Amino acid sequence: MAPYEALYGRQYRSSVGWFLLGEARLLGTDLVQNALDKVKLIQDHLRTAQSRQKSYADRKYVGDPSQILDFSTVYFDGDLNYDVEPMAILGRQVRKLRSNDIASVKVQWRGQPVEEVT
């Protein structure tokens, strides 16, 4: 008697024995083809769900024209890297946070108007 039978009083049912005797088993290429078909079905379902979620997100998206970069103020070097250099410090402020002093500096960057200082 197997330990499982002795403990629970019945035979152990593994997933290996869940087919009926007259049922044909999948072997070799049939098993691989069946798995590939299921993978394709799952991929189709995922693609459909992703498309649905994207269409919902696209309907909610509203473009912000302030986020568009004006290329007339952008300067590139020979490697097409974007170089930004500070031109002037327009303001300085020190804030006290508990025991720390935090300095903030307003900088005007080259190619940016005064309204866009950071």
Foldseek 3Di string as FASTA:
>chain_A
DDPVCVVPVDDDDDPVPPDDPVDDDDDDPRVVVVVVVVVVVVVVVVVVVVVVVVVVVVVVDDDDVVPDDDCVLFDADPVRDTDKDWDDWDDKDWDDDPPDIDIDIWTDIRSDDPVPTD
